Amino acid sequence: MSTAARRKIIVSLALVGGLAASLILGPRADAQRNAEKKSSRRQQPQNRQPASGPDILKEEPTNTSEARPMAGGKPLPDKAKVMERQMKMLNERYDLSGRTDPEVTMSGGRKHVPVGPTARLKSGVTWESLAEMSADEIREKDLFPYTPLWHPLQEVGGMVFPEVQTKVVEGLERVDVGFDIPEAYLPEFPPPLFLMTRPDLGDVTHGKLITLQNFESMFQDVLTPFQMEGLRLLLQKTTAQRHNLTLDRSTDIPVEGVSCLDCHVNGHTTGQFHLTPDVRPQSERFRLDTVSLRGVFAQNRFGSKRDIRSLEQFSETEENSAYFDGDISLAERKGARKFTPREQMAMAHFQNIIDFPPAPKLDNLGRLDHSKATEAEIRGEAVFTKHCASCHPAPIYTDNIAHDLKVERFYKNVGSTSMGKPGRAEGAIKTFVLRGIKDSPPYLHDGRLLTLEDTVEFFNIILGLKLTAQDKTDLVAFMRVL
């Protein structure tokens, strides 16, 4: 074969090989190039404007400044200044050294009860001389030591939780206000929980905080399925006035809200407070402490002023009113939870089995067993029967009625709040349960009485009881065994 012929054959083979390679590799190369183009487009922001507005997927921020939480459209106040002012007031009014009784603990056995009285008296005044004065004299001389205790941030209000709780429960701490009463004058955290259906178990929590993460394992074979559902609902977060997902809030970041058992921790309380939802204007809404749920099965009046007659109605009212300062329009805007009748019933089923703590010195009728009591406790019972039992009868030590103590008789220079009218009457307040009272400091509806000793001094003045020093000591001893 000639050289020219061989060259033609080689060229032909090369052309055939090139064509074959193109047919085989062409689609792969095209696919790779297309993928590279798509990847490049994904990495570059798309300069397009959909009909509905700017591209929400565009990486560049569309706002020039970060929106911050507010209250009613106004910036939140400086927390440090708010608390500096509040603590200055508290230290002027009280001895906050935190004295406790080394011999007496709360029902969980982990915290000693605080000892008072803590209120500071004016120079030259004693508890004995004060008790001899009339209401008019005390008012005119501005000597009354137990004027209303104010919310630190009256203009904003809202729920405030103690630091011992905000350290372990996310979403409760506020950026505009902190808790004011020292921990020594609060219930133990977490408090024990006793069930009337299983008194043999004692504290069913074993010193733990009940959460959504542990409640089912903690109460397996202790609660019925319906009671368990009620507990779950009580633990679930629901929107609140200052704890929510909107910008009108007091938390640093948006939060789902608070749960019923964030305030009523383990069915009790740890001193959380807010403002009463039942009074207007804002300047007159007085401070209101969280009460215990222990023994609600034996009560027929719920709410300090609202006269709510059932736990089911109370749950519905709280979510649509109290959680939002009594403003149903805010409840709608911020996303109030609408509990169904079945859910309300489930929550009530659980609440109705929360029992009082054991009281080994009381008999089966709730009265003092003298065979187990000390002489001081027996004397204290006699003082209590004479002066206190008409409003606080056994066995749970409440008459389930509201009374107006007319405490405003004793002061005229301060109001119910930091912004309120001086000397304004507050009206009737529900009689609080005294069963298990040593576990629930501080006392009175706004927490102005830090200890049981302060409580005795308060009632000795406003009721004109003329108690001796021994009477006061014995009365405290009796109340500690309830």
Protein backbone atom coordinates (compact mmCIF):
# COMPACT_ATOMS: atom_id res chain seq x y z
CA MET A 1 0.00 0.00 0.00
CA SER A 2 1.30 3.39 -0.94
CA THR A 3 2.17 6.05 1.54
CA ALA A 4 -0.65 8.30 0.34
CA ALA A 5 -3.20 5.57 0.87
CA ARG A 6 -2.04 4.94 4.43
CA ARG A 7 -2.37 8.64 5.24
CA LYS A 8 -5.99 8.68 4.00
CA ILE A 9 -6.80 5.67 6.22
CA ILE A 10 -5.23 7.32 9.34
CA VAL A 11 -7.08 10.58 8.77
CA SER A 12 -10.34 8.70 8.32
CA LEU A 13 -9.81 6.74 11.55
CA ALA A 14 -9.04 9.97 13.44
CA LEU A 15 -12.22 11.58 12.19
CA VAL A 16 -14.27 8.53 13.17
CA GLY A 17 -12.62 8.46 16.66
CA GLY A 18 -13.25 12.15 17.19
CA LEU A 19 -16.88 11.78 16.17
CA ALA A 20 -17.32 8.84 18.56
CA ALA A 21 -15.74 10.73 21.44
CA SER A 22 -17.99 13.71 20.78
CA LEU A 23 -21.04 11.48 20.78
CA ILE A 24 -19.98 9.83 24.07
CA LEU A 25 -18.56 12.77 26.05
CA GLY A 26 -20.62 15.62 24.65
CA PRO A 27 -23.70 15.18 26.86
CA ARG A 28 -21.56 14.84 30.03
CA ALA A 29 -19.61 18.00 29.24
CA ASP A 30 -22.80 19.90 28.53
CA ALA A 31 -24.32 18.71 31.80
CA GLN A 32 -21.22 19.77 33.73
CA ARG A 33 -21.24 23.24 32.15
CA ASN A 34 -24.95 23.65 32.90
CA ALA A 35 -24.39 22.63 36.55
CA GLU A 36 -21.58 25.16 36.88
CA LYS A 37 -23.81 27.89 35.47
CA LYS A 38 -26.64 27.02 37.92
CA SER A 39 -24.23 26.97 40.86
CA SER A 40 -22.90 30.38 39.85
CA ARG A 41 -26.44 31.74 39.68
CA ARG A 42 -27.23 30.37 43.16
CA GLN A 43 -24.14 32.04 44.64
CA GLN A 44 -24.99 35.44 43.15
CA PRO A 45 -28.00 37.40 44.49
CA GLN A 46 -30.72 37.50 41.89
CA ASN A 47 -31.59 41.00 40.80
CA ARG A 48 -35.25 40.44 40.30
CA GLN A 49 -38.37 42.03 41.75
CA PRO A 50 -41.35 39.70 42.05
CA ALA A 51 -44.76 41.25 41.65
CA SER A 52 -45.34 40.83 45.41
CA GLY A 53 -42.33 42.98 46.36
CA PRO A 54 -38.59 42.58 47.03
CA ASP A 55 -37.10 39.09 46.94
CA ILE A 56 -37.32 37.82 50.52
CA LEU A 57 -34.56 35.31 49.76
CA LYS A 58 -32.05 38.03 48.89
CA GLU A 59 -29.06 37.79 51.19
CA GLU A 60 -28.54 41.50 51.82
CA PRO A 61 -30.57 42.86 54.79
CA THR A 62 -33.41 45.13 53.84
CA ASN A 63 -33.53 47.02 57.15
CA THR A 64 -30.89 49.48 58.31
CA SER A 65 -31.33 49.00 62.11
CA GLU A 66 -32.41 46.13 64.36
CA ALA A 67 -35.87 46.45 65.89
CA ARG A 68 -35.82 46.31 69.70
CA PRO A 69 -38.47 45.31 72.25
CA MET A 70 -40.73 48.11 73.41
CA ALA A 71 -43.74 48.86 75.59
CA GLY A 72 -46.71 50.46 73.90
CA GLY A 73 -44.50 51.82 71.13
CA LYS A 74 -42.01 53.41 73.54
CA PRO A 75 -38.44 52.23 74.28
CA LEU A 76 -38.05 50.12 77.40
CA PRO A 77 -36.51 51.86 80.43
CA ASP A 78 -33.00 51.16 81.70
CA LYS A 79 -33.18 48.09 83.95
CA ALA A 80 -30.23 49.11 86.12
CA LYS A 81 -31.81 52.47 86.96
CA VAL A 82 -35.20 50.90 87.62
CA MET A 83 -33.75 48.40 90.08
CA GLU A 84 -31.44 50.93 91.74
CA ARG A 85 -34.49 53.04 92.56
CA GLN A 86 -36.51 50.04 93.78
CA MET A 87 -33.79 48.60 95.99
CA LYS A 88 -33.13 52.02 97.53
CA MET A 89 -36.79 52.15 98.52
CA LEU A 90 -36.80 48.60 99.88
CA ASN A 91 -33.67 49.12 101.97
CA GLU A 92 -35.17 52.27 103.45
CA ARG A 93 -38.33 50.38 104.42
CA TYR A 94 -36.95 46.99 105.51
CA ASP A 95 -34.05 45.27 107.19
CA LEU A 96 -33.09 42.90 104.38
CA SER A 97 -30.32 41.07 106.24
CA GLY A 98 -32.14 37.77 105.65
CA ARG A 99 -32.37 36.38 109.19
CA THR A 100 -33.80 32.85 109.38
CA ASP A 101 -34.79 30.39 112.10
CA PRO A 102 -32.15 27.63 112.26
CA GLU A 103 -34.68 25.26 113.85
CA VAL A 104 -37.59 25.58 111.39
CA THR A 105 -37.60 24.73 107.69
CA MET A 106 -40.21 24.87 104.98
CA SER A 107 -41.96 21.64 104.00
CA GLY A 108 -39.28 20.59 101.52
CA GLY A 109 -36.71 20.64 104.33
CA ARG A 110 -34.18 22.57 102.22
CA LYS A 111 -34.83 26.16 103.31
CA HIS A 112 -35.17 27.80 106.71
CA VAL A 113 -38.09 30.14 107.32
CA PRO A 114 -37.33 33.87 107.47
CA VAL A 115 -37.60 35.77 110.75
CA GLY A 116 -38.82 39.31 111.36
CA PRO A 117 -40.20 41.80 111.86
CA THR A 118 -38.23 43.38 109.04
CA ALA A 119 -40.06 46.73 108.70
CA ARG A 120 -38.09 49.77 109.88
CA LEU A 121 -39.80 52.14 112.33
CA LYS A 122 -39.29 55.89 112.55
CA SER A 123 -36.80 57.12 115.14
CA GLY A 124 -38.20 56.99 118.66
CA VAL A 125 -41.11 54.69 117.71
CA THR A 126 -41.50 51.13 119.03
CA TRP A 127 -43.94 48.40 118.07
CA GLU A 128 -45.56 48.78 121.46
CA SER A 129 -46.02 52.55 121.17
CA LEU A 130 -47.28 52.24 117.60
CA ALA A 131 -49.94 49.72 118.66
CA GLU A 132 -51.25 52.21 121.22
CA MET A 133 -51.84 54.94 118.63
CA SER A 134 -55.05 55.53 116.75
CA ALA A 135 -55.27 55.26 112.97
CA ASP A 136 -55.60 59.06 112.71
CA GLU A 137 -52.45 59.67 114.77
CA ILE A 138 -50.42 57.15 112.78
CA ARG A 139 -51.64 58.69 109.53
CA GLU A 140 -50.98 62.31 110.53
CA LYS A 141 -47.48 61.50 111.82
CA ASP A 142 -46.69 59.32 108.80
CA LEU A 143 -45.65 56.38 110.99
CA PHE A 144 -47.30 53.39 109.31
CA PRO A 145 -44.54 50.89 108.37
CA TYR A 146 -46.62 48.70 106.05
CA THR A 147 -47.75 50.93 103.21
CA PRO A 148 -48.36 49.24 99.83
CA LEU A 149 -45.39 47.60 98.11
CA TRP A 150 -45.04 48.85 94.55
CA HIS A 151 -44.21 47.10 91.29
CA PRO A 152 -40.73 48.37 90.28
CA LEU A 153 -41.99 49.33 86.82
CA GLN A 154 -45.55 50.56 87.22
CA GLU A 155 -45.81 52.19 83.80
CA VAL A 156 -45.12 48.85 82.07
CA GLY A 157 -46.18 46.26 84.65
CA GLY A 158 -46.19 42.60 83.68
CA MET A 159 -45.00 39.39 85.31
CA VAL A 160 -41.64 39.41 87.12
CA PHE A 161 -39.88 36.19 88.13
CA PRO A 162 -37.20 35.66 90.83
CA GLU A 163 -33.60 35.20 89.76
CA VAL A 164 -33.42 31.70 91.26
CA GLN A 165 -36.01 30.72 88.63
CA THR A 166 -34.81 32.76 85.63
CA LYS A 167 -31.38 31.13 85.98
CA VAL A 168 -32.82 27.73 85.09
CA VAL A 169 -35.94 28.51 83.03
CA GLU A 170 -35.29 30.18 79.68
CA GLY A 171 -37.42 33.03 78.41
CA LEU A 172 -38.59 34.46 81.76
CA GLU A 173 -35.91 37.07 82.43
CA ARG A 174 -36.82 40.62 81.45
CA VAL A 175 -34.57 43.34 80.05
CA ASP A 176 -36.47 46.22 81.64
CA VAL A 177 -36.98 45.12 85.27
CA GLY A 178 -35.72 42.51 87.73
CA PHE A 179 -37.02 40.84 90.87
CA ASP A 180 -36.71 42.94 94.01
CA ILE A 181 -37.36 40.87 97.17
CA PRO A 182 -34.25 38.98 98.37
CA GLU A 183 -34.36 35.19 98.08
CA ALA A 184 -34.32 34.73 101.87
CA TYR A 185 -37.93 35.98 101.95
CA LEU A 186 -39.24 33.70 99.20
CA PRO A 187 -40.52 30.10 99.17
CA GLU A 188 -38.03 27.33 98.50
CA PHE A 189 -37.27 26.62 94.85
CA PRO A 190 -38.42 24.29 93.54
CA PRO A 191 -41.14 23.70 96.13
CA PRO A 192 -42.40 20.20 96.95
CA LEU A 193 -45.66 18.90 95.48
CA PHE A 194 -48.12 16.80 97.47
CA LEU A 195 -51.13 15.02 95.96
CA MET A 196 -54.35 14.27 97.81
CA THR A 197 -54.72 11.13 95.68
CA ARG A 198 -51.32 9.76 96.81
CA PRO A 199 -50.42 11.15 100.25
CA ASP A 200 -48.28 8.07 100.78
CA LEU A 201 -45.74 9.35 98.24
CA GLY A 202 -44.88 12.59 100.03
CA ASP A 203 -43.17 15.05 97.68
CA VAL A 204 -43.81 13.43 94.31
CA THR A 205 -41.19 15.63 92.62
CA HIS A 206 -38.35 14.57 94.94
CA GLY A 207 -37.04 18.13 94.93
CA LYS A 208 -37.09 18.54 91.14
CA LEU A 209 -38.70 21.19 88.96
CA ILE A 210 -41.57 19.81 86.88
CA THR A 211 -41.00 20.48 83.16
CA LEU A 212 -42.40 19.36 79.83
CA GLN A 213 -39.33 17.20 79.45
CA ASN A 214 -39.73 15.22 82.67
CA PHE A 215 -43.40 15.34 83.69
CA GLU A 216 -44.47 12.10 82.03
CA SER A 217 -41.69 9.99 83.51
CA MET A 218 -42.13 11.71 86.89
CA PHE A 219 -45.88 11.02 87.08
CA GLN A 220 -46.12 7.69 85.28
CA ASP A 221 -48.42 5.42 87.32
CA VAL A 222 -49.21 8.37 89.63
CA LEU A 223 -51.71 10.36 87.55
CA THR A 224 -54.62 9.25 85.41
CA PRO A 225 -54.31 9.96 81.67
CA PHE A 226 -56.76 12.86 82.00
CA GLN A 227 -54.84 14.36 84.93
CA MET A 228 -51.63 13.90 82.93
CA GLU A 229 -53.13 15.84 80.04
CA GLY A 230 -54.09 18.63 82.42
CA LEU A 231 -50.54 18.80 83.76
CA ARG A 232 -49.16 18.97 80.22
CA LEU A 233 -51.42 21.93 79.42
CA LEU A 234 -50.38 23.69 82.63
CA LEU A 235 -46.73 23.30 81.57
CA GLN A 236 -47.13 24.53 78.01
CA LYS A 237 -46.15 28.12 77.24
CA THR A 238 -48.90 30.53 76.23
CA THR A 239 -48.57 34.14 75.13
CA ALA A 240 -48.52 36.85 77.82
CA GLN A 241 -48.46 40.64 77.88
CA ARG A 242 -44.69 41.09 78.35
CA HIS A 243 -43.57 37.60 77.26
CA ASN A 244 -44.54 37.03 73.62
CA LEU A 245 -43.42 36.92 69.99
CA THR A 246 -44.16 40.56 69.12
CA LEU A 247 -41.97 43.63 69.51
CA ASP A 248 -44.26 44.81 72.31
CA ARG A 249 -42.52 42.64 74.89
CA SER A 250 -39.94 42.78 77.69
CA THR A 251 -37.69 39.85 76.80
CA ASP A 252 -34.48 40.21 74.82
CA ILE A 253 -35.64 37.80 72.14
CA PRO A 254 -39.15 36.73 71.14
CA VAL A 255 -40.49 33.94 73.37
CA GLU A 256 -43.56 31.72 73.25
CA GLY A 257 -44.81 33.11 76.55
CA VAL A 258 -45.16 31.70 80.05
CA SER A 259 -46.89 28.63 81.40
CA CYS A 260 -49.34 28.36 84.29
CA LEU A 261 -46.69 26.50 86.27
CA ASP A 262 -44.05 29.14 85.56
CA CYS A 263 -45.92 31.25 88.11
CA HIS A 264 -47.40 28.41 90.17
CA VAL A 265 -44.14 26.45 90.27
CA ASN A 266 -44.80 22.79 91.11
CA GLY A 267 -48.36 23.83 92.01
CA HIS A 268 -47.12 26.35 94.59
CA THR A 269 -45.40 29.73 94.19
CA THR A 270 -41.95 31.29 94.45
CA GLY A 271 -43.10 34.88 94.89
CA GLN A 272 -43.68 35.92 91.26
CA PHE A 273 -45.64 39.16 90.96
CA HIS A 274 -47.46 41.30 88.40
CA LEU A 275 -50.20 43.98 88.48
CA THR A 276 -53.84 43.34 89.22
CA PRO A 277 -55.78 43.06 85.95
CA ASP A 278 -59.01 44.27 87.55
CA VAL A 279 -58.30 47.96 88.16
CA ARG A 280 -57.97 51.01 85.88
CA PRO A 281 -56.23 53.31 85.14
CA GLN A 282 -52.73 51.84 84.85
CA SER A 283 -51.48 54.16 87.57
CA GLU A 284 -53.82 52.51 90.12
CA ARG A 285 -53.18 48.85 89.28
CA PHE A 286 -51.54 47.58 92.47
CA ARG A 287 -48.93 44.85 92.79
CA LEU A 288 -50.23 41.29 93.10
CA ASP A 289 -48.24 38.27 94.30
CA THR A 290 -48.76 34.76 92.97
CA VAL A 291 -50.66 32.55 95.41
CA SER A 292 -50.26 28.83 95.92
CA LEU A 293 -52.50 26.26 94.22
CA ARG A 294 -52.26 23.99 97.24
CA GLY A 295 -55.71 23.08 98.47
CA VAL A 296 -57.73 24.77 95.72
CA PHE A 297 -60.05 21.75 95.90
CA ALA A 298 -61.37 23.18 99.17
CA GLN A 299 -61.84 26.76 97.92
CA ASN A 300 -64.81 28.31 96.15
CA ARG A 301 -63.47 31.76 95.30
CA PHE A 302 -60.60 32.42 92.88
CA GLY A 303 -58.86 35.71 92.11
CA SER A 304 -58.09 38.39 94.68
CA LYS A 305 -61.02 40.54 93.53
CA ARG A 306 -62.80 38.79 90.67
CA ASP A 307 -64.92 36.31 92.61
CA ILE A 308 -64.40 33.58 90.00
CA ARG A 309 -66.30 30.48 91.08
CA SER A 310 -64.58 27.59 89.31
CA LEU A 311 -61.09 26.58 88.23
CA GLU A 312 -62.34 26.06 84.68
CA GLN A 313 -63.60 29.64 84.52
CA PHE A 314 -60.41 30.87 86.17
CA SER A 315 -58.21 29.24 83.50
CA GLU A 316 -60.26 30.82 80.73
CA THR A 317 -60.25 34.22 82.40
CA GLU A 318 -56.52 34.19 83.05
CA GLU A 319 -55.61 33.42 79.44
CA ASN A 320 -57.97 36.01 77.97
CA SER A 321 -57.62 38.70 80.62
CA ALA A 322 -55.00 38.53 83.36
CA TYR A 323 -52.18 37.43 81.05
CA PHE A 324 -52.86 40.61 79.06
CA ASP A 325 -53.59 43.12 81.85
CA GLY A 326 -57.32 42.60 81.47
CA ASP A 327 -57.23 43.87 77.86
CA ILE A 328 -58.96 41.44 75.48
CA SER A 329 -57.87 43.44 72.43
CA LEU A 330 -54.21 42.88 73.38
CA ALA A 331 -54.98 39.23 73.93
CA GLU A 332 -56.20 38.95 70.34
CA ARG A 333 -53.31 40.92 68.85
CA LYS A 334 -50.59 39.02 70.71
CA GLY A 335 -52.11 35.59 70.21
CA ALA A 336 -54.00 34.43 73.30
CA ARG A 337 -54.58 30.72 73.56
CA LYS A 338 -58.25 29.71 73.38
CA PHE A 339 -58.62 26.76 75.72
CA THR A 340 -61.42 24.35 74.86
CA PRO A 341 -63.86 23.24 77.59
CA ARG A 342 -62.19 19.82 77.57
CA GLU A 343 -58.74 21.40 78.12
CA GLN A 344 -60.03 23.57 80.94
CA MET A 345 -61.55 20.52 82.58
CA ALA A 346 -58.29 18.58 82.26
CA MET A 347 -56.30 21.38 83.88
CA ALA A 348 -58.84 21.59 86.70
CA HIS A 349 -58.61 17.83 87.24
CA PHE A 350 -54.92 18.14 87.99
CA GLN A 351 -55.18 21.31 90.08
CA ASN A 352 -57.90 19.76 92.22
CA ILE A 353 -55.57 17.05 93.53
CA ILE A 354 -52.79 19.43 94.66
CA ASP A 355 -52.70 18.98 98.42
CA PHE A 356 -51.40 20.95 101.37
CA PRO A 357 -48.07 19.88 102.89
CA PRO A 358 -48.17 17.43 105.80
CA ALA A 359 -48.92 19.02 109.18
CA PRO A 360 -48.08 16.35 111.77
CA LYS A 361 -49.26 18.48 114.71
CA LEU A 362 -52.79 18.93 113.35
CA ASP A 363 -55.55 16.36 113.93
CA ASN A 364 -57.89 14.98 111.25
CA LEU A 365 -60.12 18.06 111.59
CA GLY A 366 -57.22 20.43 110.99
CA ARG A 367 -56.98 21.56 114.60
CA LEU A 368 -53.92 21.54 116.84
CA ASP A 369 -53.28 18.20 118.55
CA HIS A 370 -52.26 19.28 122.04
CA SER A 371 -50.56 15.96 122.74
CA LYS A 372 -47.99 16.82 120.04
CA ALA A 373 -47.79 20.59 120.51
CA THR A 374 -45.44 22.75 122.56
CA GLU A 375 -46.71 25.10 125.25
CA ALA A 376 -45.99 28.09 122.98
CA GLU A 377 -48.03 26.54 120.15
CA ILE A 378 -50.97 25.85 122.49
CA ARG A 379 -50.88 29.43 123.78
CA GLY A 380 -50.63 30.65 120.19
CA GLU A 381 -53.71 28.65 119.26
CA ALA A 382 -55.65 30.47 121.99
CA VAL A 383 -54.53 33.86 120.64
CA PHE A 384 -55.44 32.77 117.11
CA THR A 385 -58.87 31.51 118.16
CA LYS A 386 -59.64 34.80 119.86
CA HIS A 387 -58.44 37.20 117.18
CA CYS A 388 -58.00 35.38 113.84
CA ALA A 389 -60.24 32.33 113.54
CA SER A 390 -63.39 34.20 112.51
CA CYS A 391 -61.80 34.89 109.10
CA HIS A 392 -59.40 31.93 109.11
CA PRO A 393 -61.30 28.91 110.47
CA ALA A 394 -60.01 25.32 110.40
CA PRO A 395 -59.45 23.07 108.56
CA ILE A 396 -57.85 25.11 105.73
CA TYR A 397 -57.95 28.42 107.64
CA THR A 398 -59.94 30.64 105.29
CA ASP A 399 -63.59 31.68 105.22
CA ASN A 400 -63.59 31.88 101.40
CA ILE A 401 -64.82 35.48 101.64
CA ALA A 402 -63.31 38.85 100.69
CA HIS A 403 -62.83 41.51 103.39
CA ASP A 404 -61.98 45.20 103.27
CA LEU A 405 -59.44 45.97 106.01
CA LYS A 406 -59.50 49.70 105.13
CA VAL A 407 -55.75 49.92 105.58
CA GLU A 408 -55.76 53.35 103.92
CA ARG A 409 -56.90 54.71 107.32
CA PHE A 410 -53.26 54.55 108.39
CA TYR A 411 -51.50 56.48 105.63
CA LYS A 412 -52.10 59.43 103.32
CA ASN A 413 -48.76 60.29 101.72
CA VAL A 414 -48.39 57.28 99.40
CA GLY A 415 -50.63 55.47 96.97
CA SER A 416 -51.25 51.84 96.08
CA THR A 417 -48.62 52.31 93.38
CA SER A 418 -45.69 54.63 92.65
CA MET A 419 -47.98 56.61 90.32
CA GLY A 420 -51.21 56.29 92.27
CA LYS A 421 -53.37 58.70 94.24
CA PRO A 422 -52.11 58.97 97.85
CA GLY A 423 -54.29 57.19 100.38
CA ARG A 424 -56.56 55.57 97.80
CA ALA A 425 -58.80 52.83 99.19
CA GLU A 426 -58.08 49.41 97.66
CA GLY A 427 -61.31 47.72 98.69
CA ALA A 428 -61.98 44.09 99.59
CA ILE A 429 -59.38 41.36 99.03
CA LYS A 430 -59.93 37.61 99.22
CA THR A 431 -59.07 35.97 102.56
CA PHE A 432 -55.92 33.95 101.99
CA VAL A 433 -55.50 30.35 103.11
CA LEU A 434 -53.26 29.92 106.16
CA ARG A 435 -52.85 26.15 105.93
CA GLY A 436 -49.15 25.57 105.17
CA ILE A 437 -48.51 29.32 105.52
CA LYS A 438 -44.85 29.03 106.58
CA ASP A 439 -44.06 27.89 103.01
CA SER A 440 -45.43 31.04 101.34
CA PRO A 441 -43.56 34.25 102.19
CA PRO A 442 -43.95 37.13 101.52
CA TYR A 443 -47.48 37.85 102.76
CA LEU A 444 -50.54 40.00 101.99
CA HIS A 445 -51.71 40.47 98.40
CA ASP A 446 -48.74 42.62 97.37
CA GLY A 447 -46.01 40.95 99.44
CA ARG A 448 -45.44 43.93 101.74
CA LEU A 449 -45.19 41.63 104.80
CA LEU A 450 -41.92 39.73 104.40
CA THR A 451 -42.31 37.40 107.40
CA LEU A 452 -44.95 35.98 109.70
CA GLU A 453 -43.67 38.33 112.41
CA ASP A 454 -44.38 41.27 110.11
CA THR A 455 -47.84 39.85 109.48
CA VAL A 456 -48.60 39.70 113.20
CA GLU A 457 -47.39 43.29 113.72
CA PHE A 458 -49.49 44.47 110.76
CA PHE A 459 -52.73 42.97 112.08
CA ASN A 460 -51.95 44.01 115.64
CA ILE A 461 -51.92 47.62 114.41
CA ILE A 462 -54.85 47.68 111.97
CA LEU A 463 -57.19 45.59 114.15
CA GLY A 464 -56.13 47.20 117.43
CA LEU A 465 -55.48 43.82 119.06
CA LYS A 466 -53.07 45.09 121.77
CA LEU A 467 -51.06 41.86 121.71
CA THR A 468 -48.20 41.41 124.18
CA ALA A 469 -44.73 40.41 123.05
CA GLN A 470 -45.44 36.88 124.31
CA ASP A 471 -48.73 36.78 122.41
CA LYS A 472 -46.94 37.67 119.17
CA THR A 473 -44.24 35.04 119.61
CA ASP A 474 -46.80 32.34 120.46
CA LEU A 475 -49.03 33.28 117.53
CA VAL A 476 -46.12 32.89 115.08
CA ALA A 477 -45.27 29.53 116.65
CA PHE A 478 -48.84 28.33 116.07
CA MET A 479 -49.02 29.50 112.47
CA ARG A 480 -45.78 27.68 111.66
CA VAL A 481 -47.41 24.31 112.42
CA LEU A 482 -50.48 24.86 110.24
